[in-house]
Amino acid sequence: MAATIRLVRRGKRNRPFFRIVAISKEKDGKGNVLEILGHYDPLPENKVIEVKEDRLQYWFSVGAIPSATVKSLVKKKGILVPPNVDK
C-alpha cells in the first residue's frame, strides 16, 4: 500500500486550518484518512505546528512519502526526514 503524508484543509472561509494526515494514494483526502498525525494553523503570529513525532517516524519507516509542504513543515519543527523519501 502506497501512503502519502499530506495536508487536508479544514476550517472556515478566510480561516484555514490544516490537518497533517497519512492517506492512501488512491483516496482523495476528503474523508477516509489512515491516521491524523498532527495539525498546522497558519494564521497566528507564531504559526502553530503540532506533530505526533513517533507516529510520523512510523509512517516514514513503512515507506510513506511526505508532500513538499509537509516536508518543509517537518523540517521547521526540527524532525529529521529520512533521505530515502526525497522523491
PDB file of N, CA and C in Angstrom:
ATOM      1  N   MET A   1       0.853  -1.179   0.000  1.00  0.00           N
ATOM      2  CA  MET A   1       0.000   0.000   0.000  1.00  0.00           C
ATOM      3  C   MET A   1       0.891   1.231   0.000  1.00  0.00           C
ATOM      4  N   ALA A   2       0.700   2.093  -0.968  1.00  0.00           N
ATOM      5  CA  ALA A   2       1.460   3.334  -1.044  1.00  0.00           C
ATOM      6  C   ALA A   2       0.732   4.413  -0.257  1.00  0.00           C
ATOM      7  N   ALA A   3       1.439   4.999   0.687  1.00  0.00           N
ATOM      8  CA  ALA A   3       0.827   6.032   1.527  1.00  0.00           C
ATOM      9  C   ALA A   3       1.558   7.347   1.329  1.00  0.00           C
ATOM     10  N   THR A   4       0.823   8.423   1.552  1.00  0.00           N
ATOM     11  CA  THR A   4       1.357   9.766   1.449  1.00  0.00           C
ATOM     12  C   THR A   4       1.026  10.502   2.740  1.00  0.00           C
ATOM     13  N   ILE A   5       1.930  11.354   3.165  1.00  0.00           N
ATOM     14  CA  ILE A   5       1.668  12.229   4.304  1.00  0.00           C
ATOM     15  C   ILE A   5       1.467  13.616   3.731  1.00  0.00           C
ATOM     16  N   ARG A   6       0.274  14.166   3.937  1.00  0.00           N
ATOM     17  CA  ARG A   6      -0.037  15.455   3.326  1.00  0.00           C
ATOM     18  C   ARG A   6      -0.979  16.258   4.194  1.00  0.00           C
ATOM     19  N   LEU A   7      -1.291  17.487   3.750  1.00  0.00           N
ATOM     20  CA  LEU A   7      -2.199  18.366   4.466  1.00  0.00           C
ATOM     21  C   LEU A   7      -3.619  18.212   3.930  1.00  0.00           C
ATOM     22  N   VAL A   8      -4.589  18.296   4.834  1.00  0.00           N
ATOM     23  CA  VAL A   8      -6.001  18.328   4.467  1.00  0.00           C
ATOM     24  C   VAL A   8      -6.574  19.596   5.069  1.00  0.00           C
ATOM     25  N   ARG A   9      -7.206  20.409   4.251  1.00  0.00           N
ATOM     26  CA  ARG A   9      -7.712  21.696   4.721  1.00  0.00           C
ATOM     27  C   ARG A   9      -9.023  21.527   5.468  1.00  0.00           C
ATOM     28  N   ARG A  10      -9.104  22.166   6.594  1.00  0.00           N
ATOM     29  CA  ARG A  10     -10.317  22.251   7.403  1.00  0.00           C
ATOM     30  C   ARG A  10     -10.495  23.718   7.763  1.00  0.00           C
ATOM     31  N   GLY A  11     -11.519  24.024   8.507  1.00  0.00           N
ATOM     32  CA  GLY A  11     -11.739  25.403   8.934  1.00  0.00           C
ATOM     33  C   GLY A  11     -12.792  26.080   8.092  1.00  0.00           C
ATOM     34  N   LYS A  12     -12.969  27.363   8.347  1.00  0.00           N
ATOM     35  CA  LYS A  12     -13.985  28.142   7.659  1.00  0.00           C
ATOM     36  C   LYS A  12     -13.363  28.975   6.545  1.00  0.00           C
ATOM     37  N   ARG A  13     -14.216  29.659   5.833  1.00  0.00           N
ATOM     38  CA  ARG A  13     -13.734  30.561   4.805  1.00  0.00           C
ATOM     39  C   ARG A  13     -12.911  31.672   5.472  1.00  0.00           C
ATOM     40  N   ASN A  14     -11.776  31.999   4.886  1.00  0.00           N
ATOM     41  CA  ASN A  14     -10.843  33.003   5.401  1.00  0.00           C
ATOM     42  C   ASN A  14     -10.255  32.628   6.757  1.00  0.00           C
ATOM     43  N   ARG A  15     -10.398  31.399   7.181  1.00  0.00           N
ATOM     44  CA  ARG A  15      -9.821  30.919   8.445  1.00  0.00           C
ATOM     45  C   ARG A  15      -9.333  29.479   8.254  1.00  0.00           C
ATOM     46  N   PRO A  16      -8.239  29.314   7.498  1.00  0.00           N
ATOM     47  CA  PRO A  16      -7.783  27.953   7.211  1.00  0.00           C
ATOM     48  C   PRO A  16      -7.164  27.275   8.430  1.00  0.00           C
ATOM     49  N   PHE A  17      -7.295  25.982   8.450  1.00  0.00           N
ATOM     50  CA  PHE A  17      -6.717  25.120   9.470  1.00  0.00           C
ATOM     51  C   PHE A  17      -6.407  23.811   8.767  1.00  0.00           C
ATOM     52  N   PHE A  18      -5.228  23.282   8.935  1.00  0.00           N
ATOM     53  CA  PHE A  18      -4.819  22.096   8.193  1.00  0.00           C
ATOM     54  C   PHE A  18      -4.506  20.946   9.138  1.00  0.00           C
ATOM     55  N   ARG A  19      -4.913  19.744   8.755  1.00  0.00           N
ATOM     56  CA  ARG A  19      -4.514  18.531   9.450  1.00  0.00           C
ATOM     57  C   ARG A  19      -3.397  17.879   8.660  1.00  0.00           C
ATOM     58  N   ILE A  20      -2.445  17.318   9.369  1.00  0.00           N
ATOM     59  CA  ILE A  20      -1.396  16.525   8.749  1.00  0.00           C
ATOM     60  C   ILE A  20      -1.848  15.072   8.875  1.00  0.00           C
ATOM     61  N   VAL A  21      -2.045  14.407   7.732  1.00  0.00           N
ATOM     62  CA  VAL A  21      -2.623  13.067   7.740  1.00  0.00           C
ATOM     63  C   VAL A  21      -1.794  12.099   6.901  1.00  0.00           C
ATOM     64  N   ALA A  22      -1.910  10.830   7.250  1.00  0.00           N
ATOM     65  CA  ALA A  22      -1.396   9.748   6.415  1.00  0.00           C
ATOM     66  C   ALA A  22      -2.592   9.216   5.649  1.00  0.00           C
ATOM     67  N   ILE A  23      -2.436   9.117   4.341  1.00  0.00           N
ATOM     68  CA  ILE A  23      -3.558   8.731   3.492  1.00  0.00           C
ATOM     69  C   ILE A  23      -3.062   7.844   2.356  1.00  0.00           C
ATOM     70  N   SER A  24      -3.901   6.935   1.914  1.00  0.00           N
ATOM     71  CA  SER A  24      -3.572   6.084   0.790  1.00  0.00           C
ATOM     72  C   SER A  24      -3.560   6.933  -0.481  1.00  0.00           C
ATOM     73  N   LYS A  25      -2.695   6.612  -1.415  1.00  0.00           N
ATOM     74  CA  LYS A  25      -2.605   7.398  -2.651  1.00  0.00           C
ATOM     75  C   LYS A  25      -3.881   7.318  -3.484  1.00  0.00           C
ATOM     76  N   GLU A  26      -4.660   6.259  -3.298  1.00  0.00           N
ATOM     77  CA  GLU A  26      -5.880   6.098  -4.081  1.00  0.00           C
ATOM     78  C   GLU A  26      -7.028   6.979  -3.584  1.00  0.00           C
ATOM     79  N   LYS A  27      -6.935   7.500  -2.366  1.00  0.00           N
ATOM     80  CA  LYS A  27      -8.007   8.303  -1.778  1.00  0.00           C
ATOM     81  C   LYS A  27      -7.860   9.767  -2.163  1.00  0.00           C
ATOM     82  N   ASP A  28      -8.956  10.518  -2.065  1.00  0.00           N
ATOM     83  CA  ASP A  28      -8.926  11.929  -2.418  1.00  0.00           C
ATOM     84  C   ASP A  28      -8.560  12.820  -1.242  1.00  0.00           C
ATOM     85  N   GLY A  29      -8.592  12.318  -0.026  1.00  0.00           N
ATOM     86  CA  GLY A  29      -8.197  13.093   1.132  1.00  0.00           C
ATOM     87  C   GLY A  29      -9.319  13.829   1.818  1.00  0.00           C
ATOM     88  N   LYS A  30     -10.528  13.697   1.322  1.00  0.00           N
ATOM     89  CA  LYS A  30     -11.645  14.421   1.920  1.00  0.00           C
ATOM     90  C   LYS A  30     -12.238  13.673   3.109  1.00  0.00           C
ATOM     91  N   GLY A  31     -12.108  12.365   3.129  1.00  0.00           N
ATOM     92  CA  GLY A  31     -12.784  11.630   4.175  1.00  0.00           C
ATOM     93  C   GLY A  31     -11.926  10.587   4.854  1.00  0.00           C
ATOM     94  N   ASN A  32     -11.750   9.461   4.217  1.00  0.00           N
ATOM     95  CA  ASN A  32     -11.086   8.328   4.848  1.00  0.00           C
ATOM     96  C   ASN A  32      -9.579   8.500   4.870  1.00  0.00           C
ATOM     97  N   VAL A  33      -9.064   8.909   6.009  1.00  0.00           N
ATOM     98  CA  VAL A  33      -7.624   9.008   6.181  1.00  0.00           C
ATOM     99  C   VAL A  33      -7.180   7.828   7.032  1.00  0.00           C
ATOM    100  N   LEU A  34      -5.940   7.425   6.865  1.00  0.00           N
ATOM    101  CA  LEU A  34      -5.427   6.304   7.647  1.00  0.00           C
ATOM    102  C   LEU A  34      -5.164   6.722   9.095  1.00  0.00           C
ATOM    103  N   GLU A  35      -4.585   7.927   9.269  1.00  0.00           N
ATOM    104  CA  GLU A  35      -4.290   8.410  10.619  1.00  0.00           C
ATOM    105  C   GLU A  35      -4.056   9.916  10.589  1.00  0.00           C
ATOM    106  N   ILE A  36      -4.530  10.597  11.613  1.00  0.00           N
ATOM    107  CA  ILE A  36      -4.250  12.026  11.776  1.00  0.00           C
ATOM    108  C   ILE A  36      -2.967  12.144  12.583  1.00  0.00           C
ATOM    109  N   LEU A  37      -1.969  12.810  12.006  1.00  0.00           N
ATOM    110  CA  LEU A  37      -0.646  12.881  12.623  1.00  0.00           C
ATOM    111  C   LEU A  37      -0.378  14.214  13.316  1.00  0.00           C
ATOM    112  N   GLY A  38      -1.206  15.203  13.094  1.00  0.00           N
ATOM    113  CA  GLY A  38      -0.995  16.497  13.722  1.00  0.00           C
ATOM    114  C   GLY A  38      -1.818  17.559  13.036  1.00  0.00           C
ATOM    115  N   HIS A  39      -1.480  18.835  13.306  1.00  0.00           N
ATOM    116  CA  HIS A  39      -2.188  19.940  12.670  1.00  0.00           C
ATOM    117  C   HIS A  39      -1.260  21.135  12.478  1.00  0.00           C
ATOM    118  N   TYR A  40      -1.705  22.041  11.609  1.00  0.00           N
ATOM    119  CA  TYR A  40      -0.947  23.243  11.279  1.00  0.00           C
ATOM    120  C   TYR A  40      -1.931  24.399  11.189  1.00  0.00           C
ATOM    121  N   ASP A  41      -1.682  25.448  11.975  1.00  0.00           N
ATOM    122  CA  ASP A  41      -2.530  26.637  11.976  1.00  0.00           C
ATOM    123  C   ASP A  41      -1.688  27.809  11.487  1.00  0.00           C
ATOM    124  N   PRO A  42      -1.890  28.276  10.237  1.00  0.00           N
ATOM    125  CA  PRO A  42      -1.016  29.291   9.657  1.00  0.00           C
ATOM    126  C   PRO A  42      -1.343  30.731  10.045  1.00  0.00           C
ATOM    127  N   LEU A  43      -2.457  30.986  10.706  1.00  0.00           N
ATOM    128  CA  LEU A  43      -2.865  32.368  10.923  1.00  0.00           C
ATOM    129  C   LEU A  43      -2.272  33.085  12.137  1.00  0.00           C
ATOM    130  N   PRO A  44      -2.024  32.431  13.259  1.00  0.00           N
ATOM    131  CA  PRO A  44      -1.462  33.199  14.376  1.00  0.00           C
ATOM    132  C   PRO A  44      -0.103  33.797  14.018  1.00  0.00           C
ATOM    133  N   GLU A  45       0.303  34.804  14.797  1.00  0.00           N
ATOM    134  CA  GLU A  45       1.583  35.449  14.532  1.00  0.00           C
ATOM    135  C   GLU A  45       2.719  34.425  14.586  1.00  0.00           C
ATOM    136  N   ASN A  46       2.693  33.563  15.591  1.00  0.00           N
ATOM    137  CA  ASN A  46       3.620  32.432  15.650  1.00  0.00           C
ATOM    138  C   ASN A  46       2.857  31.213  15.153  1.00  0.00           C
ATOM    139  N   LYS A  47       3.143  30.803  13.941  1.00  0.00           N
ATOM    140  CA  LYS A  47       2.399  29.703  13.327  1.00  0.00           C
ATOM    141  C   LYS A  47       2.526  28.434  14.173  1.00  0.00           C
ATOM    142  N   VAL A  48       1.411  27.734  14.343  1.00  0.00           N
ATOM    143  CA  VAL A  48       1.360  26.561  15.206  1.00  0.00           C
ATOM    144  C   VAL A  48       1.510  25.306  14.365  1.00  0.00           C
ATOM    145  N   ILE A  49       2.516  24.489  14.694  1.00  0.00           N
ATOM    146  CA  ILE A  49       2.724  23.199  14.045  1.00  0.00           C
ATOM    147  C   ILE A  49       2.801  22.154  15.151  1.00  0.00           C
ATOM    148  N   GLU A  50       1.830  21.263  15.207  1.00  0.00           N
ATOM    149  CA  GLU A  50       1.819  20.180  16.185  1.00  0.00           C
ATOM    150  C   GLU A  50       1.889  18.861  15.423  1.00  0.00           C
ATOM    151  N   VAL A  51       2.847  18.002  15.799  1.00  0.00           N
ATOM    152  CA  VAL A  51       3.038  16.727  15.103  1.00  0.00           C
ATOM    153  C   VAL A  51       3.295  15.633  16.131  1.00  0.00           C
ATOM    154  N   LYS A  52       2.683  14.463  15.907  1.00  0.00           N
ATOM    155  CA  LYS A  52       2.988  13.284  16.712  1.00  0.00           C
ATOM    156  C   LYS A  52       4.246  12.666  16.103  1.00  0.00           C
ATOM    157  N   GLU A  53       5.382  12.990  16.681  1.00  0.00           N
ATOM    158  CA  GLU A  53       6.665  12.615  16.079  1.00  0.00           C
ATOM    159  C   GLU A  53       6.856  11.099  15.981  1.00  0.00           C
ATOM    160  N   ASP A  54       6.446  10.359  17.008  1.00  0.00           N
ATOM    161  CA  ASP A  54       6.631   8.908  16.969  1.00  0.00           C
ATOM    162  C   ASP A  54       5.812   8.266  15.854  1.00  0.00           C
ATOM    163  N   ARG A  55       4.586   8.729  15.651  1.00  0.00           N
ATOM    164  CA  ARG A  55       3.752   8.184  14.580  1.00  0.00           C
ATOM    165  C   ARG A  55       4.267   8.598  13.205  1.00  0.00           C
ATOM    166  N   LEU A  56       4.795   9.816  13.113  1.00  0.00           N
ATOM    167  CA  LEU A  56       5.372  10.280  11.852  1.00  0.00           C
ATOM    168  C   LEU A  56       6.570   9.411  11.468  1.00  0.00           C
ATOM    169  N   GLN A  57       7.423   9.103  12.439  1.00  0.00           N
ATOM    170  CA  GLN A  57       8.570   8.239  12.169  1.00  0.00           C
ATOM    171  C   GLN A  57       8.123   6.833  11.774  1.00  0.00           C
ATOM    172  N   TYR A  58       7.025   6.364  12.372  1.00  0.00           N
ATOM    173  CA  TYR A  58       6.490   5.054  11.984  1.00  0.00           C
ATOM    174  C   TYR A  58       6.093   5.054  10.511  1.00  0.00           C
ATOM    175  N   TRP A  59       5.366   6.093  10.082  1.00  0.00           N
ATOM    176  CA  TRP A  59       4.913   6.142   8.693  1.00  0.00           C
ATOM    177  C   TRP A  59       6.087   6.276   7.734  1.00  0.00           C
ATOM    178  N   PHE A  60       7.139   6.992   8.137  1.00  0.00           N
ATOM    179  CA  PHE A  60       8.344   7.049   7.309  1.00  0.00           C
ATOM    180  C   PHE A  60       8.969   5.656   7.201  1.00  0.00           C
ATOM    181  N   SER A  61       8.952   4.900   8.295  1.00  0.00           N
ATOM    182  CA  SER A  61       9.589   3.583   8.291  1.00  0.00           C
ATOM    183  C   SER A  61       8.857   2.576   7.402  1.00  0.00           C
ATOM    184  N   VAL A  62       7.542   2.758   7.223  1.00  0.00           N
ATOM    185  CA  VAL A  62       6.811   1.833   6.355  1.00  0.00           C
ATOM    186  C   VAL A  62       6.738   2.331   4.917  1.00  0.00           C
ATOM    187  N   GLY A  63       7.403   3.438   4.616  1.00  0.00           N
ATOM    188  CA  GLY A  63       7.516   3.876   3.227  1.00  0.00           C
ATOM    189  C   GLY A  63       6.615   5.008   2.803  1.00  0.00           C
ATOM    190  N   ALA A  64       5.963   5.688   3.730  1.00  0.00           N
ATOM    191  CA  ALA A  64       5.114   6.823   3.364  1.00  0.00           C
ATOM    192  C   ALA A  64       5.982   7.984   2.893  1.00  0.00           C
ATOM    193  N   ILE A  65       5.508   8.678   1.876  1.00  0.00           N
ATOM    194  CA  ILE A  65       6.253   9.790   1.292  1.00  0.00           C
ATOM    195  C   ILE A  65       5.535  11.095   1.624  1.00  0.00           C
ATOM    196  N   PRO A  66       6.232  12.067   2.240  1.00  0.00           N
ATOM    197  CA  PRO A  66       5.582  13.343   2.569  1.00  0.00           C
ATOM    198  C   PRO A  66       5.478  14.241   1.345  1.00  0.00           C
ATOM    199  N   SER A  67       4.441  15.072   1.325  1.00  0.00           N
ATOM    200  CA  SER A  67       4.343  16.076   0.269  1.00  0.00           C
ATOM    201  C   SER A  67       5.416  17.137   0.530  1.00  0.00           C
ATOM    202  N   ALA A  68       5.650  17.995  -0.439  1.00  0.00           N
ATOM    203  CA  ALA A  68       6.680  19.023  -0.301  1.00  0.00           C
ATOM    204  C   ALA A  68       6.370  19.973   0.854  1.00  0.00           C
ATOM    205  N   THR A  69       5.097  20.317   1.020  1.00  0.00           N
ATOM    206  CA  THR A  69       4.703  21.225   2.094  1.00  0.00           C
ATOM    207  C   THR A  69       4.901  20.579   3.456  1.00  0.00           C
ATOM    208  N   VAL A  70       4.481  19.348   3.603  1.00  0.00           N
ATOM    209  CA  VAL A  70       4.652  18.652   4.878  1.00  0.00           C
ATOM    210  C   VAL A  70       6.135  18.483   5.187  1.00  0.00           C
ATOM    211  N   LYS A  71       6.913  18.185   4.172  1.00  0.00           N
ATOM    212  CA  LYS A  71       8.350  18.022   4.363  1.00  0.00           C
ATOM    213  C   LYS A  71       8.983  19.307   4.903  1.00  0.00           C
ATOM    214  N   SER A  72       8.584  20.457   4.360  1.00  0.00           N
ATOM    215  CA  SER A  72       9.142  21.720   4.842  1.00  0.00           C
ATOM    216  C   SER A  72       8.661  22.040   6.259  1.00  0.00           C
ATOM    217  N   LEU A  73       7.392  21.737   6.573  1.00  0.00           N
ATOM    218  CA  LEU A  73       6.880  21.973   7.927  1.00  0.00           C
ATOM    219  C   LEU A  73       7.597  21.097   8.950  1.00  0.00           C
ATOM    220  N   VAL A  74       7.833  19.847   8.589  1.00  0.00           N
ATOM    221  CA  VAL A  74       8.502  18.921   9.499  1.00  0.00           C
ATOM    222  C   VAL A  74       9.942  19.369   9.744  1.00  0.00           C
ATOM    223  N   LYS A  75      10.601  19.853   8.706  1.00  0.00           N
ATOM    224  CA  LYS A  75      11.967  20.348   8.882  1.00  0.00           C
ATOM    225  C   LYS A  75      11.997  21.581   9.775  1.00  0.00           C
ATOM    226  N   LYS A  76      10.996  22.475   9.647  1.00  0.00           N
ATOM    227  CA  LYS A  76      10.917  23.647  10.513  1.00  0.00           C
ATOM    228  C   LYS A  76      10.705  23.245  11.965  1.00  0.00           C
ATOM    229  N   LYS A  77       9.987  22.165  12.171  1.00  0.00           N
ATOM    230  CA  LYS A  77       9.723  21.660  13.520  1.00  0.00           C
ATOM    231  C   LYS A  77      10.966  21.007  14.113  1.00  0.00           C
ATOM    232  N   GLY A  78      11.927  20.638  13.260  1.00  0.00           N
ATOM    233  CA  GLY A  78      13.165  20.039  13.738  1.00  0.00           C
ATOM    234  C   GLY A  78      13.178  18.530  13.701  1.00  0.00           C
ATOM    235  N   ILE A  79      12.259  17.932  12.972  1.00  0.00           N
ATOM    236  CA  ILE A  79      12.194  16.476  12.857  1.00  0.00           C
ATOM    237  C   ILE A  79      12.938  16.063  11.596  1.00  0.00           C
ATOM    238  N   LEU A  80      13.784  15.061  11.726  1.00  0.00           N
ATOM    239  CA  LEU A  80      14.562  14.606  10.583  1.00  0.00           C
ATOM    240  C   LEU A  80      13.710  13.782   9.633  1.00  0.00           C
ATOM    241  N   VAL A  81      13.823  14.074   8.351  1.00  0.00           N
ATOM    242  CA  VAL A  81      13.159  13.295   7.310  1.00  0.00           C
ATOM    243  C   VAL A  81      14.185  12.340   6.738  1.00  0.00           C
ATOM    244  N   PRO A  82      13.891  11.035   6.704  1.00  0.00           N
ATOM    245  CA  PRO A  82      14.860  10.077   6.169  1.00  0.00           C
ATOM    246  C   PRO A  82      15.240  10.415   4.733  1.00  0.00           C
ATOM    247  N   PRO A  83      16.487  10.174   4.349  1.00  0.00           N
ATOM    248  CA  PRO A  83      16.936  10.542   2.994  1.00  0.00           C
ATOM    249  C   PRO A  83      16.271   9.750   1.887  1.00  0.00           C
ATOM    250  N   ASN A  84      15.699   8.577   2.180  1.00  0.00           N
ATOM    251  CA  ASN A  84      15.090   7.766   1.121  1.00  0.00           C
ATOM    252  C   ASN A  84      13.709   8.262   0.716  1.00  0.00           C
ATOM    253  N   VAL A  85      13.187   9.310   1.353  1.00  0.00           N
ATOM    254  CA  VAL A  85      11.872   9.857   0.973  1.00  0.00           C
ATOM    255  C   VAL A  85      12.024  11.168   0.220  1.00  0.00           C
ATOM    256  N   ASP A  86      13.202  11.425  -0.335  1.00  0.00           N
ATOM    257  CA  ASP A  86      13.434  12.678  -1.073  1.00  0.00           C
ATOM    258  C   ASP A  86      12.966  12.584  -2.508  1.00  0.00           C
ATOM    259  N   LYS A  87      11.800  12.033  -2.750  1.00  0.00           N
ATOM    260  CA  LYS A  87      11.299  11.899  -4.117  1.00  0.00           C
ATOM    261  C   LYS A  87      10.477  13.090  -4.499  1.00  0.00           C
TER     262      LYS A  87
END
